[in-house]
Amino acid sequence: MSTNLKVLVCSASPDQINQNAMLRNYVGRGFAEVLPEGHVMTSSFEYAVEAAKRFHPELVVVFGSCMPASCDYTGLRTYCSRSGAVLAFWLHDDPYEFDFNYKIYQYADFIFSNDKWAVAHINHPNVFHLPLAADPQAHFRDIRSEMDRDVFFCGVGFPNRRQLLIDCEEVLSPFRVEILGAEWPETLGFCQNTRVLNEALPSFYASSLVTLNIGRRFNLANNKYQLDATTPGPRTFEAAMAGAVQCAFLEGLELADYFMFGEEILVFDAPSELTEIIDRLRYDPEWRESIALASQTRAIKDHTYKIRAQTMISLITKR
């Protein structure tokens, strides 16, 4: 397969039920940075087969969640079998939807999973780990010196996140804290059930003294092996690209594969440690700026969709 191949990137589920449809464009831009002009096309799930017949790609990347019952990949498999194109799936919700991965085994030439631990449990001959990433065009922000708040987090108030913030409520009380998203309890005064558009999030990251990084524990279909997620999600890379200083609640060491502890990302496992970190960041702006810059530099170097596209193409062309 030539490195000048034509690539179609399409979603794995219909846009009307796909809350992460914008990620498809990031993936498409990543491939467009690697391949010649005009060699990359993006499509919704609904029009993917028609797009393939028109565009004649040599690689079809189906990106996203295959859990919805409406997801049928027979048409794409037929196109690839007849044309000789490679059909690759890049799953972005492992291990939370792992039990539905079996649906793609019969269709996929290659499977890429966002989660390293999930890869070990996928029954397919060509399966690889490929984390999500950041898009410089969407997520890059200049490093700021003036902050609008001390502590920021945005996301769904899953039980593990609620409990952590309840545990940290007292130590966070002296600071300007803004927790946004959905399903947060009214008893936590610094939480607001306010939706933030994805395109606005990088500016929140850039204007916060510290951005909390709290993993998700909410499975939709993860009963077979009850896998724990090990790889950080996309917002870790997006916040880094925005110049955030992230403080991650440490639940596993794989995070260190992506960002250097103490220099590119900060970690804590007790409320008292979080207080010490926030205080130092407030009174040592040079330290904060050095972490923000180092984190952003690392994201640009290692964690863009261009890098992920290069990795995918390399793995496929070696086979």
Foldseek 3Di string as FASTA:
>chain_A
DDQQFAEEEEEQDAPVPDPPRVVSVQLQVLSPVRHDPPRYHYDYQVCRLVCCVVSVTQEYEHEEDNPDPPGDCVSVLVSCVVSVHAYEYEYADPPQAVVPPVRCQVRHPAYEYQFPVSQVVDPHPHYYYFHAFARLVQQAADADLAAPWAEEEEDECAPVNQVVCVQLQVLCVVTGYAYEDADHDVVRVRYDPDDDDPSCVLVNQRRYLEYEFEDDDHHPHNPPPNDDGDHGHHVLRSSLNSLHAYEYADDYDVVCVQAPDPQQYDYDPHSVVVSVVSVCSVVPVVSSNRNSVRSNVSSVVDGGSNNSSVVVVVSVVVD
